[in-house]
């Protein structure tokens, strides 16, 4: 798992001409734009990476697995992500190979 601050730090090591603050603002702006677009029920597609969309989840009858109590869930939207072809191919190329810590660090720097 990588958290936002680690992502910003890795990007700042690669893009030394930008400050960490500028990179952090850029990452936050991208996330805000994705959220804003989804709020308006539009799809976000980043070629080579993937696409974000909303899926509607209607109300349903559920149960609490601990108590067995029946309850009704509220209808809601869930964010759906579908990886792009390039991302899937890059990931699948690594499947079956032993994943070394150096490989993960190298992938994080790209």
N, C-alpha and C. Protein backbone atom coordinates (compact mmCIF):
# COMPACT_ATOMS: atom_id res chain seq x y z
N UNK A 1 0.85 -1.17 0.00
CA UNK A 1 0.00 0.00 0.00
C UNK A 1 0.89 1.23 0.00
N UNK A 2 0.46 2.24 -0.71
CA UNK A 2 1.15 3.52 -0.72
C UNK A 2 0.15 4.60 -0.33
N UNK A 3 0.58 5.48 0.54
CA UNK A 3 -0.31 6.57 0.94
C UNK A 3 0.07 7.83 0.17
N UNK A 4 -0.84 8.81 0.19
CA UNK A 4 -0.66 10.00 -0.62
C UNK A 4 0.67 10.71 -0.34
N UNK A 5 1.06 10.83 0.92
CA UNK A 5 2.31 11.52 1.24
C UNK A 5 3.51 10.79 0.66
N UNK A 6 3.48 9.44 0.63
CA UNK A 6 4.57 8.68 0.02
C UNK A 6 4.60 8.88 -1.49
N UNK A 7 3.43 8.93 -2.10
CA UNK A 7 3.34 9.19 -3.54
C UNK A 7 3.94 10.55 -3.86
N UNK A 8 3.57 11.56 -3.10
CA UNK A 8 4.11 12.91 -3.31
C UNK A 8 5.62 12.90 -3.15
N UNK A 9 6.12 12.21 -2.14
CA UNK A 9 7.56 12.14 -1.89
C UNK A 9 8.29 11.46 -3.04
N UNK A 10 7.74 10.38 -3.55
CA UNK A 10 8.36 9.67 -4.68
C UNK A 10 8.38 10.53 -5.93
N UNK A 11 7.29 11.24 -6.19
CA UNK A 11 7.23 12.11 -7.36
C UNK A 11 8.23 13.25 -7.21
N UNK A 12 8.35 13.81 -6.01
CA UNK A 12 9.27 14.94 -5.81
C UNK A 12 10.73 14.51 -5.98
N UNK A 13 11.05 13.26 -5.69
CA UNK A 13 12.42 12.77 -5.92
C UNK A 13 12.71 12.67 -7.41
N UNK A 14 11.68 12.37 -8.19
CA UNK A 14 11.87 12.25 -9.64
C UNK A 14 11.79 13.61 -10.34
N UNK A 15 10.91 14.47 -9.90
CA UNK A 15 10.73 15.80 -10.50
C UNK A 15 11.32 16.85 -9.56
N UNK A 16 12.63 16.93 -9.55
CA UNK A 16 13.32 17.79 -8.59
C UNK A 16 13.08 19.28 -8.84
N UNK A 17 12.63 19.66 -10.02
CA UNK A 17 12.37 21.07 -10.30
C UNK A 17 11.10 21.59 -9.63
N UNK A 18 10.26 20.67 -9.12
CA UNK A 18 9.02 21.05 -8.43
C UNK A 18 9.17 20.85 -6.93
N UNK A 19 8.51 21.71 -6.17
CA UNK A 19 8.54 21.55 -4.72
C UNK A 19 7.53 20.47 -4.30
N UNK A 20 7.76 19.91 -3.12
CA UNK A 20 6.82 18.91 -2.62
C UNK A 20 5.43 19.51 -2.43
N UNK A 21 5.39 20.78 -2.06
CA UNK A 21 4.11 21.47 -1.87
C UNK A 21 3.35 21.56 -3.19
N UNK A 22 4.06 21.92 -4.28
CA UNK A 22 3.42 22.00 -5.60
C UNK A 22 2.90 20.63 -6.04
N UNK A 23 3.69 19.60 -5.81
CA UNK A 23 3.28 18.24 -6.19
C UNK A 23 2.07 17.82 -5.37
N UNK A 24 2.10 18.10 -4.07
CA UNK A 24 0.97 17.76 -3.20
C UNK A 24 -0.30 18.46 -3.66
N UNK A 25 -0.19 19.73 -4.02
CA UNK A 25 -1.36 20.47 -4.52
C UNK A 25 -1.85 19.88 -5.84
N UNK A 26 -0.91 19.45 -6.70
CA UNK A 26 -1.29 18.84 -7.97
C UNK A 26 -2.04 17.54 -7.77
N UNK A 27 -1.53 16.69 -6.87
CA UNK A 27 -2.19 15.41 -6.58
C UNK A 27 -3.58 15.67 -6.00
N UNK A 28 -3.67 16.61 -5.07
CA UNK A 28 -4.97 16.94 -4.45
C UNK A 28 -5.94 17.47 -5.51
N UNK A 29 -5.43 18.28 -6.45
CA UNK A 29 -6.28 18.84 -7.50
C UNK A 29 -6.81 17.73 -8.41
N UNK A 30 -5.96 16.77 -8.75
CA UNK A 30 -6.39 15.65 -9.59
C UNK A 30 -7.49 14.85 -8.89
N UNK A 31 -7.28 14.56 -7.61
CA UNK A 31 -8.29 13.81 -6.84
C UNK A 31 -9.59 14.58 -6.76
N UNK A 32 -9.50 15.90 -6.51
CA UNK A 32 -10.71 16.74 -6.47
C UNK A 32 -11.44 16.73 -7.80
N UNK A 33 -10.70 16.80 -8.90
CA UNK A 33 -11.34 16.81 -10.23
C UNK A 33 -12.04 15.48 -10.50
N UNK A 34 -11.41 14.38 -10.11
CA UNK A 34 -12.04 13.06 -10.30
C UNK A 34 -13.34 13.01 -9.49
N UNK A 35 -13.28 13.43 -8.22
CA UNK A 35 -14.49 13.43 -7.37
C UNK A 35 -15.57 14.33 -7.94
N UNK A 36 -15.20 15.53 -8.37
CA UNK A 36 -16.17 16.49 -8.90
C UNK A 36 -16.86 15.93 -10.15
N UNK A 37 -16.08 15.28 -11.00
CA UNK A 37 -16.65 14.68 -12.22
C UNK A 37 -17.60 13.54 -11.87
N UNK A 38 -17.21 12.71 -10.90
CA UNK A 38 -18.08 11.60 -10.49
C UNK A 38 -19.35 12.11 -9.83
N UNK A 39 -19.25 13.20 -9.06
CA UNK A 39 -20.44 13.78 -8.42
C UNK A 39 -21.47 14.16 -9.47
N UNK A 40 -21.00 14.61 -10.63
CA UNK A 40 -21.90 14.97 -11.72
C UNK A 40 -22.23 13.76 -12.60
N UNK A 41 -21.96 12.58 -12.06
CA UNK A 41 -22.29 11.30 -12.70
C UNK A 41 -21.70 11.16 -14.09
N UNK A 42 -20.48 11.62 -14.23
CA UNK A 42 -19.76 11.44 -15.48
C UNK A 42 -18.61 10.48 -15.23
N UNK A 43 -18.11 9.90 -16.29
CA UNK A 43 -17.03 8.92 -16.23
C UNK A 43 -15.69 9.65 -16.36
N UNK A 44 -14.66 9.14 -15.66
CA UNK A 44 -13.31 9.69 -15.75
C UNK A 44 -12.42 8.61 -16.35
N UNK A 45 -11.78 8.93 -17.47
CA UNK A 45 -10.90 7.96 -18.12
C UNK A 45 -9.51 8.55 -18.23
N UNK A 46 -8.53 7.81 -17.72
CA UNK A 46 -7.13 8.19 -17.83
C UNK A 46 -6.47 7.10 -18.66
N UNK A 47 -6.18 7.41 -19.92
CA UNK A 47 -5.65 6.42 -20.86
C UNK A 47 -4.37 5.80 -20.30
N UNK A 48 -4.27 4.49 -20.41
CA UNK A 48 -3.12 3.75 -19.92
C UNK A 48 -3.21 3.43 -18.44
N UNK A 49 -4.13 4.06 -17.73
CA UNK A 49 -4.28 3.83 -16.30
C UNK A 49 -5.60 3.12 -16.02
N UNK A 50 -6.72 3.78 -16.34
CA UNK A 50 -8.01 3.16 -16.10
C UNK A 50 -9.14 4.17 -16.11
N UNK A 51 -10.31 3.71 -15.73
CA UNK A 51 -11.51 4.55 -15.76
C UNK A 51 -12.27 4.42 -14.44
N UNK A 52 -12.78 5.55 -13.98
CA UNK A 52 -13.61 5.61 -12.78
C UNK A 52 -15.04 5.89 -13.22
N UNK A 53 -15.99 5.21 -12.61
CA UNK A 53 -17.40 5.48 -12.88
C UNK A 53 -18.18 5.17 -11.62
N UNK A 54 -19.45 5.54 -11.63
CA UNK A 54 -20.32 5.26 -10.49
C UNK A 54 -21.23 4.08 -10.80
N UNK A 55 -21.45 3.23 -9.82
CA UNK A 55 -22.42 2.16 -9.92
C UNK A 55 -23.46 2.39 -8.83
N UNK A 56 -24.72 2.33 -9.22
CA UNK A 56 -25.82 2.53 -8.27
C UNK A 56 -26.08 1.23 -7.54
N UNK A 57 -26.18 1.32 -6.23
CA UNK A 57 -26.52 0.17 -5.39
C UNK A 57 -27.88 0.45 -4.76
N UNK A 58 -28.92 -0.26 -5.20
CA UNK A 58 -30.26 -0.01 -4.64
C UNK A 58 -30.36 -0.48 -3.19
N UNK A 59 -31.37 -0.01 -2.51
CA UNK A 59 -31.63 -0.46 -1.14
C UNK A 59 -31.89 -1.96 -1.18
N UNK A 60 -31.51 -2.63 -0.11
CA UNK A 60 -31.72 -4.08 -0.07
C UNK A 60 -31.88 -4.54 1.37
N UNK A 61 -32.38 -5.74 1.52
CA UNK A 61 -32.51 -6.34 2.83
C UNK A 61 -31.21 -7.08 3.12
N UNK A 62 -30.57 -6.76 4.23
CA UNK A 62 -29.30 -7.37 4.60
C UNK A 62 -29.41 -7.91 6.02
N UNK A 63 -28.32 -8.47 6.50
CA UNK A 63 -28.31 -8.94 7.89
C UNK A 63 -26.94 -8.68 8.50
N UNK A 64 -26.94 -8.50 9.81
CA UNK A 64 -25.71 -8.34 10.56
C UNK A 64 -25.15 -9.74 10.79
N UNK A 65 -23.95 -10.05 10.27
CA UNK A 65 -23.43 -11.41 10.40
C UNK A 65 -23.15 -11.82 11.86
N UNK A 66 -22.90 -10.84 12.73
CA UNK A 66 -22.64 -11.17 14.14
C UNK A 66 -23.92 -11.57 14.87
N UNK A 67 -24.98 -10.79 14.66
CA UNK A 67 -26.21 -11.00 15.43
C UNK A 67 -27.30 -11.70 14.63
N UNK A 68 -27.17 -11.67 13.29
CA UNK A 68 -28.22 -12.23 12.46
C UNK A 68 -29.40 -11.29 12.28
N UNK A 69 -29.32 -10.11 12.88
CA UNK A 69 -30.41 -9.12 12.80
C UNK A 69 -30.60 -8.65 11.35
N UNK A 70 -31.86 -8.60 10.92
CA UNK A 70 -32.20 -8.12 9.58
C UNK A 70 -32.22 -6.60 9.59
N UNK A 71 -31.72 -6.00 8.50
CA UNK A 71 -31.76 -4.55 8.39
C UNK A 71 -31.86 -4.16 6.93
N UNK A 72 -32.34 -2.95 6.70
CA UNK A 72 -32.47 -2.42 5.34
C UNK A 72 -31.33 -1.45 5.09
N UNK A 73 -30.64 -1.63 3.97
CA UNK A 73 -29.57 -0.70 3.63
C UNK A 73 -30.15 0.44 2.82
N UNK A 74 -29.47 1.55 2.83
CA UNK A 74 -29.89 2.72 2.05
C UNK A 74 -29.34 2.58 0.63
N UNK A 75 -30.05 3.14 -0.35
CA UNK A 75 -29.48 3.15 -1.70
C UNK A 75 -28.25 4.05 -1.70
N UNK A 76 -27.28 3.71 -2.55
CA UNK A 76 -26.06 4.51 -2.59
C UNK A 76 -25.34 4.31 -3.92
N UNK A 77 -24.37 5.17 -4.16
CA UNK A 77 -23.49 5.04 -5.31
C UNK A 77 -22.14 4.55 -4.82
N UNK A 78 -21.54 3.66 -5.57
CA UNK A 78 -20.20 3.17 -5.25
C UNK A 78 -19.29 3.51 -6.43
N UNK A 79 -18.08 3.91 -6.12
CA UNK A 79 -17.11 4.22 -7.17
C UNK A 79 -16.55 2.91 -7.70
N UNK A 80 -16.55 2.79 -9.01
CA UNK A 80 -16.04 1.60 -9.68
C UNK A 80 -14.80 2.01 -10.47
N UNK A 81 -13.73 1.21 -10.36
CA UNK A 81 -12.51 1.47 -11.13
C UNK A 81 -12.25 0.27 -12.02
N UNK A 82 -11.98 0.54 -13.30
CA UNK A 82 -11.60 -0.52 -14.22
C UNK A 82 -10.23 -0.16 -14.77
N UNK A 83 -9.27 -1.04 -14.53
CA UNK A 83 -7.90 -0.79 -14.99
C UNK A 83 -7.84 -0.76 -16.51
N UNK A 84 -6.99 0.10 -17.04
CA UNK A 84 -6.79 0.21 -18.48
C UNK A 84 -5.94 -0.94 -19.01
N UNK A 85 -5.94 -1.09 -20.32
CA UNK A 85 -5.23 -2.19 -20.96
C UNK A 85 -3.74 -2.16 -20.64
N UNK A 86 -3.12 -0.98 -20.75
CA UNK A 86 -1.69 -0.87 -20.49
C UNK A 86 -1.35 -1.26 -19.05
N UNK A 87 -2.17 -0.81 -18.11
CA UNK A 87 -1.94 -1.16 -16.71
C UNK A 87 -2.09 -2.65 -16.49
N UNK A 88 -3.14 -3.23 -17.05
CA UNK A 88 -3.35 -4.68 -16.90
C UNK A 88 -2.17 -5.46 -17.46
N UNK A 89 -1.69 -5.04 -18.63
CA UNK A 89 -0.57 -5.74 -19.26
C UNK A 89 0.70 -5.63 -18.42
N UNK A 90 0.96 -4.45 -17.86
CA UNK A 90 2.15 -4.27 -17.01
C UNK A 90 2.06 -5.14 -15.77
N UNK A 91 0.88 -5.20 -15.16
CA UNK A 91 0.71 -6.01 -13.96
C UNK A 91 0.81 -7.49 -14.29
N UNK A 92 0.15 -7.91 -15.36
CA UNK A 92 0.17 -9.32 -15.73
C UNK A 92 1.56 -9.78 -16.14
N UNK A 93 2.39 -8.88 -16.66
CA UNK A 93 3.76 -9.24 -17.02
C UNK A 93 4.57 -9.60 -15.77
N UNK A 94 4.18 -9.03 -14.62
CA UNK A 94 4.88 -9.31 -13.37
C UNK A 94 4.34 -10.54 -12.63
N UNK A 95 3.13 -10.98 -12.97
CA UNK A 95 2.53 -12.14 -12.30
C UNK A 95 3.39 -13.37 -12.62
N UNK A 96 3.63 -14.17 -11.61
CA UNK A 96 4.41 -15.39 -11.80
C UNK A 96 5.89 -15.17 -11.58
N UNK A 97 6.34 -13.92 -11.60
CA UNK A 97 7.74 -13.62 -11.32
C UNK A 97 7.86 -13.31 -9.84
N UNK A 98 8.96 -13.69 -9.22
CA UNK A 98 9.12 -13.28 -7.82
C UNK A 98 9.24 -11.77 -7.75
N UNK A 99 8.47 -11.17 -6.87
CA UNK A 99 8.48 -9.72 -6.73
C UNK A 99 9.50 -9.34 -5.68
N UNK A 100 10.52 -8.65 -6.13
CA UNK A 100 11.58 -8.21 -5.24
C UNK A 100 11.29 -6.80 -4.76
N UNK A 101 11.78 -6.47 -3.59
CA UNK A 101 11.57 -5.13 -3.03
C UNK A 101 12.14 -4.08 -3.99
N UNK A 102 13.26 -4.38 -4.64
CA UNK A 102 13.87 -3.43 -5.58
C UNK A 102 12.94 -3.16 -6.77
N UNK A 103 12.22 -4.22 -7.23
CA UNK A 103 11.28 -4.06 -8.34
C UNK A 103 10.14 -3.13 -7.94
N UNK A 104 9.64 -3.29 -6.71
CA UNK A 104 8.55 -2.43 -6.23
C UNK A 104 9.02 -0.99 -6.12
N UNK A 105 10.23 -0.78 -5.62
CA UNK A 105 10.77 0.58 -5.51
C UNK A 105 10.96 1.19 -6.89
N UNK A 106 11.45 0.40 -7.83
CA UNK A 106 11.65 0.89 -9.20
C UNK A 106 10.31 1.26 -9.83
N UNK A 107 9.30 0.41 -9.64
CA UNK A 107 7.97 0.68 -10.19
C UNK A 107 7.39 1.95 -9.57
N UNK A 108 7.64 2.18 -8.29
CA UNK A 108 7.13 3.39 -7.63
C UNK A 108 7.79 4.65 -8.12
N UNK A 109 9.01 4.53 -8.64
CA UNK A 109 9.72 5.70 -9.15
C UNK A 109 9.31 6.06 -10.56
N UNK A 110 8.68 5.14 -11.29
CA UNK A 110 8.29 5.41 -12.68
C UNK A 110 7.09 6.29 -12.76
